[in-house]
Structure formats: C-alpha cells, structure tokens
C-alpha atoms as a PDB file:
ATOM      1  CA  UNK A   1     -58.655  36.121 -44.519  1.00  0.00           C
ATOM      2  CA  UNK A   2     -61.684  34.505 -46.174  1.00  0.00           C
ATOM      3  CA  UNK A   3     -64.573  34.292 -43.772  1.00  0.00           C
ATOM      4  CA  UNK A   4     -65.023  30.625 -44.647  1.00  0.00           C
ATOM      5  CA  UNK A   5     -62.016  29.740 -42.515  1.00  0.00           C
ATOM      6  CA  UNK A   6     -60.952  32.251 -39.915  1.00  0.00           C
ATOM      7  CA  UNK A   7     -58.423  30.765 -37.515  1.00  0.00           C
ATOM      8  CA  UNK A   8     -57.818  33.843 -35.426  1.00  0.00           C
ATOM      9  CA  UNK A   9     -54.507  35.499 -34.705  1.00  0.00           C
ATOM     10  CA  UNK A  10     -52.972  33.358 -31.973  1.00  0.00           C
ATOM     11  CA  UNK A  11     -49.198  33.647 -31.802  1.00  0.00           C
ATOM     12  CA  UNK A  12     -46.797  30.923 -32.914  1.00  0.00           C
ATOM     13  CA  UNK A  13     -43.053  30.601 -32.763  1.00  0.00           C
ATOM     14  CA  UNK A  14     -40.855  30.596 -35.851  1.00  0.00           C
ATOM     15  CA  UNK A  15     -37.736  28.439 -36.118  1.00  0.00           C
ATOM     16  CA  UNK A  16     -34.595  30.053 -34.771  1.00  0.00           C
ATOM     17  CA  UNK A  17     -32.845  30.326 -38.120  1.00  0.00           C
ATOM     18  CA  UNK A  18     -33.255  33.979 -38.995  1.00  0.00           C
ATOM     19  CA  UNK A  19     -30.152  33.916 -41.161  1.00  0.00           C
ATOM     20  CA  UNK A  20     -31.730  31.469 -43.611  1.00  0.00           C
ATOM     21  CA  UNK A  21     -34.307  33.061 -45.935  1.00  0.00           C
ATOM     22  CA  UNK A  22     -37.291  31.042 -47.081  1.00  0.00           C
ATOM     23  CA  UNK A  23     -36.379  28.974 -50.152  1.00  0.00           C
ATOM     24  CA  UNK A  24     -37.884  29.571 -53.545  1.00  0.00           C
ATOM     25  CA  UNK A  25     -40.937  27.378 -54.062  1.00  0.00           C
ATOM     26  CA  UNK A  26     -40.382  24.710 -56.653  1.00  0.00           C
ATOM     27  CA  UNK A  27     -43.383  22.558 -55.798  1.00  0.00           C
ATOM     28  CA  UNK A  28     -47.093  23.085 -56.307  1.00  0.00           C
ATOM     29  CA  UNK A  29     -47.392  26.492 -54.700  1.00  0.00           C
ATOM     30  CA  UNK A  30     -47.772  30.053 -55.941  1.00  0.00           C
ATOM     31  CA  UNK A  31     -45.001  32.250 -57.245  1.00  0.00           C
ATOM     32  CA  UNK A  32     -43.007  33.607 -54.292  1.00  0.00           C
ATOM     33  CA  UNK A  33     -43.405  37.072 -55.784  1.00  0.00           C
ATOM     34  CA  UNK A  34     -47.140  36.873 -55.128  1.00  0.00           C
ATOM     35  CA  UNK A  35     -47.099  34.843 -51.927  1.00  0.00           C
ATOM     36  CA  UNK A  36     -45.171  36.674 -49.250  1.00  0.00           C
ATOM     37  CA  UNK A  37     -44.265  34.885 -46.061  1.00  0.00           C
ATOM     38  CA  UNK A  38     -46.526  35.210 -43.075  1.00  0.00           C
ATOM     39  CA  UNK A  39     -45.506  37.944 -40.645  1.00  0.00           C
ATOM     40  CA  UNK A  40     -42.746  36.986 -38.246  1.00  0.00           C
ATOM     41  CA  UNK A  41     -43.895  35.537 -34.972  1.00  0.00           C
ATOM     42  CA  UNK A  42     -43.207  37.358 -31.707  1.00  0.00           C
ATOM     43  CA  UNK A  43     -40.530  36.019 -29.424  1.00  0.00           C
ATOM     44  CA  UNK A  44     -41.424  34.156 -26.292  1.00  0.00           C
ATOM     45  CA  UNK A  45     -44.205  32.066 -27.888  1.00  0.00           C
ATOM     46  CA  UNK A  46     -44.495  28.398 -26.875  1.00  0.00           C
ATOM     47  CA  UNK A  47     -42.090  26.124 -28.828  1.00  0.00           C
ATOM     48  CA  UNK A  48     -44.968  23.915 -29.943  1.00  0.00           C
ATOM     49  CA  UNK A  49     -46.254  26.697 -32.187  1.00  0.00           C
ATOM     50  CA  UNK A  50     -49.383  27.120 -30.048  1.00  0.00           C
ATOM     51  CA  UNK A  51     -50.499  30.135 -28.092  1.00  0.00           C
ATOM     52  CA  UNK A  52     -52.344  30.590 -24.834  1.00  0.00           C
ATOM     53  CA  UNK A  53     -54.558  33.365 -26.145  1.00  0.00           C
ATOM     54  CA  UNK A  54     -58.066  32.258 -27.143  1.00  0.00           C
ATOM     55  CA  UNK A  55     -59.121  31.969 -30.767  1.00  0.00           C
ATOM     56  CA  UNK A  56     -62.296  33.415 -32.191  1.00  0.00           C
ATOM     57  CA  UNK A  57     -65.584  32.057 -30.810  1.00  0.00           C
ATOM     58  CA  UNK A  58     -66.451  28.654 -32.246  1.00  0.00           C
ATOM     59  CA  UNK A  59     -62.835  27.472 -32.548  1.00  0.00           C
ATOM     60  CA  UNK A  60     -60.403  25.839 -30.181  1.00  0.00           C
ATOM     61  CA  UNK A  61     -57.666  27.955 -28.645  1.00  0.00           C
ATOM     62  CA  UNK A  62     -55.272  25.155 -29.608  1.00  0.00           C
ATOM     63  CA  UNK A  63     -54.975  25.823 -33.329  1.00  0.00           C
ATOM     64  CA  UNK A  64     -51.541  26.885 -34.555  1.00  0.00           C
ATOM     65  CA  UNK A  65     -51.431  30.636 -35.063  1.00  0.00           C
ATOM     66  CA  UNK A  66     -49.002  30.428 -37.976  1.00  0.00           C
ATOM     67  CA  UNK A  67     -51.617  28.496 -39.968  1.00  0.00           C
ATOM     68  CA  UNK A  68     -54.055  31.402 -39.789  1.00  0.00           C
ATOM     69  CA  UNK A  69     -51.381  33.847 -40.888  1.00  0.00           C
ATOM     70  CA  UNK A  70     -50.280  31.557 -43.725  1.00  0.00           C
ATOM     71  CA  UNK A  71     -53.853  31.348 -44.998  1.00  0.00           C
ATOM     72  CA  UNK A  72     -54.106  35.132 -44.769  1.00  0.00           C
ATOM     73  CA  UNK A  73     -51.212  35.738 -47.157  1.00  0.00           C
ATOM     74  CA  UNK A  74     -51.662  32.757 -49.484  1.00  0.00           C
ATOM     75  CA  UNK A  75     -53.055  33.856 -52.885  1.00  0.00           C
ATOM     76  CA  UNK A  76     -56.572  32.714 -53.709  1.00  0.00           C
ATOM     77  CA  UNK A  77     -57.895  31.795 -57.157  1.00  0.00           C
ATOM     78  CA  UNK A  78     -60.068  34.414 -58.809  1.00  0.00           C
ATOM     79  CA  UNK A  79     -63.089  33.746 -60.992  1.00  0.00           C
ATOM     80  CA  UNK A  80     -62.895  33.365 -63.880  1.00  0.00           C
ATOM     81  CA  UNK A  81     -59.617  31.539 -63.386  1.00  0.00           C
ATOM     82  CA  UNK A  82     -57.171  32.424 -66.163  1.00  0.00           C
ATOM     83  CA  UNK A  83     -53.910  31.043 -64.725  1.00  0.00           C
ATOM     84  CA  UNK A  84     -52.842  27.899 -62.937  1.00  0.00           C
ATOM     85  CA  UNK A  85     -53.365  27.863 -59.169  1.00  0.00           C
ATOM     86  CA  UNK A  86     -52.512  25.333 -56.547  1.00  0.00           C
ATOM     87  CA  UNK A  87     -52.333  24.926 -52.803  1.00  0.00           C
ATOM     88  CA  UNK A  88     -50.450  22.288 -50.880  1.00  0.00           C
ATOM     89  CA  UNK A  89     -49.226  21.362 -47.443  1.00  0.00           C
ATOM     90  CA  UNK A  90     -45.706  22.249 -48.592  1.00  0.00           C
ATOM     91  CA  UNK A  91     -46.842  25.612 -49.933  1.00  0.00           C
ATOM     92  CA  UNK A  92     -48.449  26.567 -46.629  1.00  0.00           C
ATOM     93  CA  UNK A  93     -45.513  25.365 -44.528  1.00  0.00           C
ATOM     94  CA  UNK A  94     -43.265  27.539 -46.693  1.00  0.00           C
ATOM     95  CA  UNK A  95     -45.179  30.568 -45.423  1.00  0.00           C
ATOM     96  CA  UNK A  96     -43.480  30.118 -42.052  1.00  0.00           C
ATOM     97  CA  UNK A  97     -40.913  32.938 -41.857  1.00  0.00           C
ATOM     98  CA  UNK A  98     -37.366  31.820 -42.526  1.00  0.00           C
ATOM     99  CA  UNK A  99     -38.002  28.190 -43.353  1.00  0.00           C
ATOM    100  CA  UNK A 100     -34.750  26.465 -42.363  1.00  0.00           C
ATOM    101  CA  UNK A 101     -32.681  25.220 -45.261  1.00  0.00           C
ATOM    102  CA  UNK A 102     -32.379  21.776 -43.692  1.00  0.00           C
ATOM    103  CA  UNK A 103     -36.166  21.414 -44.066  1.00  0.00           C
ATOM    104  CA  UNK A 104     -36.251  22.220 -47.792  1.00  0.00           C
ATOM    105  CA  UNK A 105     -35.579  18.685 -49.008  1.00  0.00           C
ATOM    106  CA  UNK A 106     -38.362  17.021 -46.959  1.00  0.00           C
ATOM    107  CA  UNK A 107     -40.788  19.704 -48.136  1.00  0.00           C
ATOM    108  CA  UNK A 108     -40.306  18.532 -51.715  1.00  0.00           C
ATOM    109  CA  UNK A 109     -41.920  15.197 -50.829  1.00  0.00           C
ATOM    110  CA  UNK A 110     -45.173  16.504 -49.347  1.00  0.00           C
ATOM    111  CA  UNK A 111     -47.338  17.283 -52.362  1.00  0.00           C
ATOM    112  CA  UNK A 112     -48.157  13.688 -53.228  1.00  0.00           C
ATOM    113  CA  UNK A 113     -50.264  13.437 -50.061  1.00  0.00           C
ATOM    114  CA  UNK A 114     -51.954  16.818 -50.012  1.00  0.00           C
ATOM    115  CA  UNK A 115     -52.379  19.326 -52.832  1.00  0.00           C
ATOM    116  CA  UNK A 116     -55.065  20.838 -55.063  1.00  0.00           C
ATOM    117  CA  UNK A 117     -54.261  21.899 -58.646  1.00  0.00           C
ATOM    118  CA  UNK A 118     -56.593  23.782 -60.982  1.00  0.00           C
ATOM    119  CA  UNK A 119     -56.151  25.925 -64.071  1.00  0.00           C
ATOM    120  CA  UNK A 120     -57.421  26.421 -67.628  1.00  0.00           C
ATOM    121  CA  UNK A 121     -55.315  23.488 -68.848  1.00  0.00           C
ATOM    122  CA  UNK A 122     -55.439  20.898 -66.062  1.00  0.00           C
ATOM    123  CA  UNK A 123     -56.947  19.840 -62.747  1.00  0.00           C
ATOM    124  CA  UNK A 124     -55.886  17.341 -60.133  1.00  0.00           C
ATOM    125  CA  UNK A 125     -54.847  16.383 -56.629  1.00  0.00           C
ATOM    126  CA  UNK A 126     -51.690  15.483 -54.766  1.00  0.00           C
ATOM    127  CA  UNK A 127     -49.058  16.457 -57.305  1.00  0.00           C
ATOM    128  CA  UNK A 128     -50.815  14.681 -60.181  1.00  0.00           C
ATOM    129  CA  UNK A 129     -52.840  16.883 -62.544  1.00  0.00           C
ATOM    130  CA  UNK A 130     -54.909  15.757 -65.550  1.00  0.00           C
ATOM    131  CA  UNK A 131     -55.466  17.695 -68.787  1.00  0.00           C
ATOM    132  CA  UNK A 132     -59.033  18.965 -69.003  1.00  0.00           C
ATOM    133  CA  UNK A 133     -59.341  17.337 -72.441  1.00  0.00           C
ATOM    134  CA  UNK A 134     -59.041  13.964 -70.716  1.00  0.00           C
ATOM    135  CA  UNK A 135     -61.460  14.647 -67.859  1.00  0.00           C
ATOM    136  CA  UNK A 136     -64.736  12.737 -68.174  1.00  0.00           C
ATOM    137  CA  UNK A 137     -66.464  13.421 -64.869  1.00  0.00           C
ATOM    138  CA  UNK A 138     -66.088  15.196 -61.536  1.00  0.00           C
ATOM    139  CA  UNK A 139     -67.744  13.966 -58.358  1.00  0.00           C
ATOM    140  CA  UNK A 140     -68.459  15.914 -55.198  1.00  0.00           C
ATOM    141  CA  UNK A 141     -69.242  14.867 -51.640  1.00  0.00           C
ATOM    142  CA  UNK A 142     -70.063  16.928 -48.552  1.00  0.00           C
ATOM    143  CA  UNK A 143     -67.083  17.322 -46.256  1.00  0.00           C
ATOM    144  CA  UNK A 144     -68.726  15.364 -43.449  1.00  0.00           C
ATOM    145  CA  UNK A 145     -68.745  12.227 -45.595  1.00  0.00           C
ATOM    146  CA  UNK A 146     -65.029  12.580 -46.437  1.00  0.00           C
ATOM    147  CA  UNK A 147     -63.514  13.501 -43.071  1.00  0.00           C
ATOM    148  CA  UNK A 148     -62.965  11.532 -39.897  1.00  0.00           C
ATOM    149  CA  UNK A 149     -60.297  11.238 -37.237  1.00  0.00           C
ATOM    150  CA  UNK A 150     -59.266   7.882 -38.707  1.00  0.00           C
ATOM    151  CA  UNK A 151     -58.885   9.402 -42.192  1.00  0.00           C
ATOM    152  CA  UNK A 152     -56.838  12.274 -40.761  1.00  0.00           C
ATOM    153  CA  UNK A 153     -54.508   9.891 -38.944  1.00  0.00           C
ATOM    154  CA  UNK A 154     -54.142   7.655 -42.011  1.00  0.00           C
ATOM    155  CA  UNK A 155     -53.237  10.658 -44.161  1.00  0.00           C
ATOM    156  CA  UNK A 156     -50.684  11.844 -41.623  1.00  0.00           C
ATOM    157  CA  UNK A 157     -49.198   8.345 -41.489  1.00  0.00           C
ATOM    158  CA  UNK A 158     -48.462   8.731 -45.195  1.00  0.00           C
ATOM    159  CA  UNK A 159     -46.389  11.828 -44.465  1.00  0.00           C
ATOM    160  CA  UNK A 160     -44.514   9.894 -41.789  1.00  0.00           C
ATOM    161  CA  UNK A 161     -43.730   7.081 -44.203  1.00  0.00           C
ATOM    162  CA  UNK A 162     -42.568   9.186 -47.150  1.00  0.00           C
ATOM    163  CA  UNK A 163     -40.255  11.686 -45.432  1.00  0.00           C
ATOM    164  CA  UNK A 164     -36.867  10.062 -44.779  1.00  0.00           C
ATOM    165  CA  UNK A 165     -34.906  10.579 -41.601  1.00  0.00           C
ATOM    166  CA  UNK A 166     -33.000  13.548 -42.922  1.00  0.00           C
ATOM    167  CA  UNK A 167     -32.109  16.670 -40.935  1.00  0.00           C
ATOM    168  CA  UNK A 168     -35.271  18.754 -40.681  1.00  0.00           C
ATOM    169  CA  UNK A 169     -37.674  15.800 -40.709  1.00  0.00           C
ATOM    170  CA  UNK A 170     -38.997  16.486 -37.206  1.00  0.00           C
ATOM    171  CA  UNK A 171     -39.495  20.200 -37.948  1.00  0.00           C
ATOM    172  CA  UNK A 172     -41.398  19.479 -41.172  1.00  0.00           C
ATOM    173  CA  UNK A 173     -43.603  16.775 -39.641  1.00  0.00           C
ATOM    174  CA  UNK A 174     -44.325  19.021 -36.677  1.00  0.00           C
ATOM    175  CA  UNK A 175     -45.515  21.820 -38.939  1.00  0.00           C
ATOM    176  CA  UNK A 176     -47.554  19.373 -41.036  1.00  0.00           C
ATOM    177  CA  UNK A 177     -49.258  17.999 -37.927  1.00  0.00           C
ATOM    178  CA  UNK A 178     -50.070  21.534 -36.745  1.00  0.00           C
ATOM    179  CA  UNK A 179     -51.396  22.407 -40.210  1.00  0.00           C
ATOM    180  CA  UNK A 180     -53.629  19.352 -40.585  1.00  0.00           C
ATOM    181  CA  UNK A 181     -54.989  19.477 -37.050  1.00  0.00           C
ATOM    182  CA  UNK A 182     -55.644  23.224 -37.276  1.00  0.00           C
ATOM    183  CA  UNK A 183     -57.533  22.884 -40.569  1.00  0.00           C
ATOM    184  CA  UNK A 184     -59.404  19.881 -39.217  1.00  0.00           C
ATOM    185  CA  UNK A 185     -60.460  21.585 -35.987  1.00  0.00           C
ATOM    186  CA  UNK A 186     -61.701  24.571 -37.998  1.00  0.00           C
ATOM    187  CA  UNK A 187     -64.017  22.266 -39.959  1.00  0.00           C
ATOM    188  CA  UNK A 188     -65.314  19.752 -37.417  1.00  0.00           C
ATOM    189  CA  UNK A 189     -68.157  21.378 -35.455  1.00  0.00           C
ATOM    190  CA  UNK A 190     -67.975  22.137 -31.773  1.00  0.00           C
ATOM    191  CA  UNK A 191     -70.439  20.232 -29.558  1.00  0.00           C
ATOM    192  CA  UNK A 192     -72.592  23.362 -29.225  1.00  0.00           C
ATOM    193  CA  UNK A 193     -73.075  23.409 -33.007  1.00  0.00           C
ATOM    194  CA  UNK A 194     -74.198  19.783 -33.346  1.00  0.00           C
ATOM    195  CA  UNK A 195     -77.881  20.400 -32.638  1.00  0.00           C
ATOM    196  CA  UNK A 196     -78.040  23.330 -35.050  1.00  0.00           C
ATOM    197  CA  UNK A 197     -76.380  21.374 -37.849  1.00  0.00           C
ATOM    198  CA  UNK A 198     -78.767  18.467 -37.360  1.00  0.00           C
ATOM    199  CA  UNK A 199     -81.701  20.864 -37.667  1.00  0.00           C
ATOM    200  CA  UNK A 200     -80.362  22.708 -40.700  1.00  0.00           C
ATOM    201  CA  UNK A 201     -79.056  19.673 -42.557  1.00  0.00           C
ATOM    202  CA  UNK A 202     -76.744  19.848 -45.554  1.00  0.00           C
ATOM    203  CA  UNK A 203     -77.654  23.227 -46.997  1.00  0.00           C
ATOM    204  CA  UNK A 204     -74.805  23.095 -49.500  1.00  0.00           C
ATOM    205  CA  UNK A 205     -76.666  20.533 -51.659  1.00  0.00           C
ATOM    206  CA  UNK A 206     -79.420  22.884 -52.817  1.00  0.00           C
ATOM    207  CA  UNK A 207     -79.308  25.604 -55.446  1.00  0.00           C
ATOM    208  CA  UNK A 208     -79.368  28.577 -53.077  1.00  0.00           C
ATOM    209  CA  UNK A 209     -76.413  30.904 -53.343  1.00  0.00           C
ATOM    210  CA  UNK A 210     -74.461  31.697 -50.208  1.00  0.00           C
ATOM    211  CA  UNK A 211     -72.166  34.648 -49.833  1.00  0.00           C
ATOM    212  CA  UNK A 212     -69.071  34.613 -47.655  1.00  0.00           C
ATOM    213  CA  UNK A 213     -70.931  36.316 -44.827  1.00  0.00           C
ATOM    214  CA  UNK A 214     -73.481  33.488 -44.694  1.00  0.00           C
ATOM    215  CA  UNK A 215     -70.936  30.688 -44.548  1.00  0.00           C
ATOM    216  CA  UNK A 216     -69.617  30.521 -40.977  1.00  0.00           C
ATOM    217  CA  UNK A 217     -66.748  28.369 -39.754  1.00  0.00           C
ATOM    218  CA  UNK A 218     -69.064  25.718 -38.326  1.00  0.00           C
ATOM    219  CA  UNK A 219     -70.840  25.313 -41.698  1.00  0.00           C
ATOM    220  CA  UNK A 220     -67.710  24.066 -43.469  1.00  0.00           C
ATOM    221  CA  UNK A 221     -68.494  20.528 -42.319  1.00  0.00           C
ATOM    222  CA  UNK A 222     -71.464  20.394 -44.708  1.00  0.00           C
ATOM    223  CA  UNK A 223     -69.858  22.094 -47.713  1.00  0.00           C
ATOM    224  CA  UNK A 224     -69.267  19.992 -50.830  1.00  0.00           C
ATOM    225  CA  UNK A 225     -65.804  19.511 -52.282  1.00  0.00           C
ATOM    226  CA  UNK A 226     -64.546  17.797 -55.436  1.00  0.00           C
ATOM    227  CA  UNK A 227     -63.385  14.380 -54.277  1.00  0.00           C
ATOM    228  CA  UNK A 228     -62.983  12.352 -57.482  1.00  0.00           C
ATOM    229  CA  UNK A 229     -61.822  13.016 -61.032  1.00  0.00           C
ATOM    230  CA  UNK A 230     -62.621  10.405 -63.685  1.00  0.00           C
ATOM    231  CA  UNK A 231     -60.432  10.697 -66.778  1.00  0.00           C
ATOM    232  CA  UNK A 232     -59.563   8.923 -70.021  1.00  0.00           C
ATOM    233  CA  UNK A 233     -56.500   6.718 -70.056  1.00  0.00           C
ATOM    234  CA  UNK A 234     -54.851   5.095 -73.055  1.00  0.00           C
ATOM    235  CA  UNK A 235     -56.888   2.003 -72.230  1.00  0.00           C
ATOM    236  CA  UNK A 236     -60.097   2.570 -70.304  1.00  0.00           C
ATOM    237  CA  UNK A 237     -60.661   5.081 -67.547  1.00  0.00           C
ATOM    238  CA  UNK A 238     -58.729   6.196 -64.469  1.00  0.00           C
ATOM    239  CA  UNK A 239     -59.713   7.916 -61.272  1.00  0.00           C
ATOM    240  CA  UNK A 240     -58.034  10.472 -59.015  1.00  0.00           C
ATOM    241  CA  UNK A 241     -59.280  10.708 -55.442  1.00  0.00           C
ATOM    242  CA  UNK A 242     -58.737  13.592 -53.049  1.00  0.00           C
ATOM    243  CA  UNK A 243     -57.072  12.668 -49.763  1.00  0.00           C
ATOM    244  CA  UNK A 244     -58.017  14.215 -46.423  1.00  0.00           C
ATOM    245  CA  UNK A 245     -55.516  17.052 -46.827  1.00  0.00           C
ATOM    246  CA  UNK A 246     -56.861  17.883 -50.303  1.00  0.00           C
ATOM    247  CA  UNK A 247     -60.407  18.079 -48.925  1.00  0.00           C
ATOM    248  CA  UNK A 248     -59.235  20.317 -46.069  1.00  0.00           C
ATOM    249  CA  UNK A 249     -57.400  22.573 -48.527  1.00  0.00           C
ATOM    250  CA  UNK A 250     -60.572  22.978 -50.611  1.00  0.00           C
ATOM    251  CA  UNK A 251     -62.417  23.977 -47.441  1.00  0.00           C
ATOM    252  CA  UNK A 252     -59.655  26.415 -46.520  1.00  0.00           C
ATOM    253  CA  UNK A 253     -59.771  27.854 -50.065  1.00  0.00           C
ATOM    254  CA  UNK A 254     -63.418  27.375 -51.158  1.00  0.00           C
ATOM    255  CA  UNK A 255     -62.692  29.431 -54.285  1.00  0.00           C
ATOM    256  CA  UNK A 256     -60.679  26.451 -55.543  1.00  0.00           C
ATOM    257  CA  UNK A 257     -63.744  24.197 -55.593  1.00  0.00           C
ATOM    258  CA  UNK A 258     -65.762  26.961 -57.260  1.00  0.00           C
ATOM    259  CA  UNK A 259     -63.037  27.368 -59.897  1.00  0.00           C
ATOM    260  CA  UNK A 260     -62.921  23.627 -60.615  1.00  0.00           C
ATOM    261  CA  UNK A 261     -66.691  23.445 -61.078  1.00  0.00           C
ATOM    262  CA  UNK A 262     -66.781  26.613 -63.197  1.00  0.00           C
ATOM    263  CA  UNK A 263     -64.071  25.305 -65.525  1.00  0.00           C
ATOM    264  CA  UNK A 264     -65.865  21.968 -65.758  1.00  0.00           C
ATOM    265  CA  UNK A 265     -69.054  23.769 -66.818  1.00  0.00           C
ATOM    266  CA  UNK A 266     -67.147  25.713 -69.487  1.00  0.00           C
ATOM    267  CA  UNK A 267     -65.791  22.490 -70.954  1.00  0.00           C
ATOM    268  CA  UNK A 268     -68.996  20.503 -70.721  1.00  0.00           C
ATOM    269  CA  UNK A 269     -67.509  18.082 -68.182  1.00  0.00           C
ATOM    270  CA  UNK A 270     -70.164  16.164 -66.282  1.00  0.00           C
ATOM    271  CA  UNK A 271     -70.388  16.969 -62.560  1.00  0.00           C
ATOM    272  CA  UNK A 272     -72.056  14.425 -60.283  1.00  0.00           C
ATOM    273  CA  UNK A 273     -73.066  15.539 -56.804  1.00  0.00           C
ATOM    274  CA  UNK A 274     -73.012  12.093 -55.225  1.00  0.00           C
ATOM    275  CA  UNK A 275     -76.104  11.605 -53.060  1.00  0.00           C
ATOM    276  CA  UNK A 276     -75.526  10.684 -49.443  1.00  0.00           C
ATOM    277  CA  UNK A 277     -77.638   9.207 -46.670  1.00  0.00           C
ATOM    278  CA  UNK A 278     -78.751  12.122 -44.514  1.00  0.00           C
ATOM    279  CA  UNK A 279     -79.194   9.687 -41.630  1.00  0.00           C
ATOM    280  CA  UNK A 280     -75.458   9.076 -41.709  1.00  0.00           C
ATOM    281  CA  UNK A 281     -74.892  12.816 -41.378  1.00  0.00           C
ATOM    282  CA  UNK A 282     -76.557  12.815 -37.976  1.00  0.00           C
ATOM    283  CA  UNK A 283     -74.424   9.958 -36.691  1.00  0.00           C
ATOM    284  CA  UNK A 284     -71.301  11.560 -38.150  1.00  0.00           C
ATOM    285  CA  UNK A 285     -71.883  14.945 -36.545  1.00  0.00           C
ATOM    286  CA  UNK A 286     -72.628  13.324 -33.192  1.00  0.00           C
ATOM    287  CA  UNK A 287     -69.158  11.804 -33.324  1.00  0.00           C
ATOM    288  CA  UNK A 288     -67.584  15.215 -33.945  1.00  0.00           C
ATOM    289  CA  UNK A 289     -66.623  15.788 -30.308  1.00  0.00           C
ATOM    290  CA  UNK A 290     -64.725  12.508 -30.105  1.00  0.00           C
ATOM    291  CA  UNK A 291     -63.049  13.275 -33.444  1.00  0.00           C
ATOM    292  CA  UNK A 292     -61.819  16.609 -32.139  1.00  0.00           C
ATOM    293  CA  UNK A 293     -60.282  14.877 -29.118  1.00  0.00           C
ATOM    294  CA  UNK A 294     -58.703  12.261 -31.380  1.00  0.00           C
ATOM    295  CA  UNK A 295     -57.177  14.954 -33.591  1.00  0.00           C
ATOM    296  CA  UNK A 296     -55.640  16.718 -30.597  1.00  0.00           C
ATOM    297  CA  UNK A 297     -54.374  13.382 -29.322  1.00  0.00           C
ATOM    298  CA  UNK A 298     -52.701  12.723 -32.665  1.00  0.00           C
ATOM    299  CA  UNK A 299     -50.739  15.956 -32.401  1.00  0.00           C
ATOM    300  CA  UNK A 300     -49.825  15.318 -28.769  1.00  0.00           C
ATOM    301  CA  UNK A 301     -48.548  11.815 -29.576  1.00  0.00           C
ATOM    302  CA  UNK A 302     -46.418  13.239 -32.357  1.00  0.00           C
ATOM    303  CA  UNK A 303     -45.061  15.995 -30.120  1.00  0.00           C
ATOM    304  CA  UNK A 304     -43.960  13.434 -27.544  1.00  0.00           C
ATOM    305  CA  UNK A 305     -42.305  11.303 -30.215  1.00  0.00           C
ATOM    306  CA  UNK A 306     -40.540  14.059 -32.179  1.00  0.00           C
ATOM    307  CA  UNK A 307     -40.083  16.855 -29.628  1.00  0.00           C
ATOM    308  CA  UNK A 308     -40.471  20.618 -30.297  1.00  0.00           C
ATOM    309  CA  UNK A 309     -40.960  21.648 -33.913  1.00  0.00           C
ATOM    310  CA  UNK A 310     -39.411  25.089 -33.736  1.00  0.00           C
END
C-alpha cells in the first residue's frame, strides 16, 4: 500500500454470502479486471468488521481492517495519466469479498456523496465530472481546513438520507461508516503528534518535493487537496466542491491530486492554492483529539441503530 496511508492489516469479517460473487462495477470505479477483491477475511473475526489486534504505530487499533486491504488492491493513477481513473466509496466497498447481491442496488447511489474523477478528458467530484475544456480554475486547501467531525457527520447523514430502506441498506451503511471513520482516523493526528505538527506547520504549501518515504500518516492532515473546480456554464460560471469523502479519498490516493494538478498544468488551467490563516491551524489541530472521539462515537451510534454489518 502507499506509504501515505497505511492502515495496517487488522482482520475484518466478510458477509456470510460466499455463494454470491462480487457484482461487476458499473459506477465510478476501476475495471474489475484490474481491481481484484481484497483477500478474504479469516473466520471468527468480530461482526463489526473490527479486530482486536493493534494497528501500526500512530493509528488507532479500531480502524476496519478491510479498508486497508481494499486500499492495497485498488488501482492507483499513474503519471502521466493517460486513461480515466476514479475512486469512490462504492468502489472501495465493492472490494469486500463476495459483496452480497442485496447490497448492489444501494451501492449504485453512493457516488454522488463521495467520489473523485480524473482523466485526460474530464475531472470532477461525486459522480459529476466536467470536461477539461470547460474548466477555468482549480482551488486547493490543506486537509485540516476541510475536515472536521461535524463535516464527517454531515457527509454521512447524506448517505443515510439517499439510500432507501431496501434489503442490504444496513450492510451498505455499516461498511460506509467503517470506511469513512477509518480514513478519517488515519488523517486526523493523534494527541502525541499535535505538538510536532504545530512546530512544523503546513509544509505542503511550499515548493519542496516530498517523496513517499517523507510523508508519514500523521502528515496527511496538512496535505493540500483539490477542493473546488470552477467551470464555464452556458450562462456564467459554475462551481464543484469536494465533500468530506472526496477529500479523504484524495488523501488515501494522493496520486489523484497530483494527476489533477499535472493535467491542469498541461492545459493551462489556473490553480489557486487558497491561503489560510496559520493561527486557525493551531486551534484546529488542538481539537483533533475530540474529533477522533466524535468520529468513533458516530460509528458506535450507527452500530447501535443498525446492528452488525456483516
């Protein structure tokens, strides 16, 4: 897996529907021929999809193990990018071995609240891509200015509202909650990292190049992502904004942000790195511990309301 987001190898349980193969992906996710399902989970794992074994240092031992395995096998965009690539909540959930057929229909509704699309012809978020010829400007923000526990909960509430009460709804929402919380916990710094981040500041705003070895898990909170796309409409201009899931997906697949910016440079599209108040960064990072607790509480509340997800 990319060193930018290493979630460890904690075990998770797969749904007990071994007779049903994973469906062919028809949404914004890679060709099934190139994206094989994550390895099957061992039996006897907790039904919540969580394991008791500790994760790598710097991460909670409460992240869902299947998320790490899904990220391991999910194709990543290469540079230069010559073909369309996308990542979505639905695409990652489909990496769970033997996705039950009853969950296929709800999965089709997920992309509008969490997806990243980029290719030589178009770019966009959340199931809505824009032709590069129409793109006027891209804007970036550091992750810390785009993420909060409130934003995470609001984004998840959108999933709750859009997925109807069909068979498989609880399973899908359970996997989505595990996915979002796992990605979120991998980004938000642990309390021990707060002091170091406040000393270092937002190093992703300067022109220094960082290799994958230099970008540790705890540094994702300061990395910039593309958050807004300004484009030409028939009358005037429009704007696409990345939701919390789309920001988390760019952090999970940092090559996607690099590909978007590289393609923008090729086409002469203006890129604005929106300045931020560094004083706000300090206050934001100091709230990280409470945000982590809030994220775990969100998943626990959902688990009580919907029951086991596998």
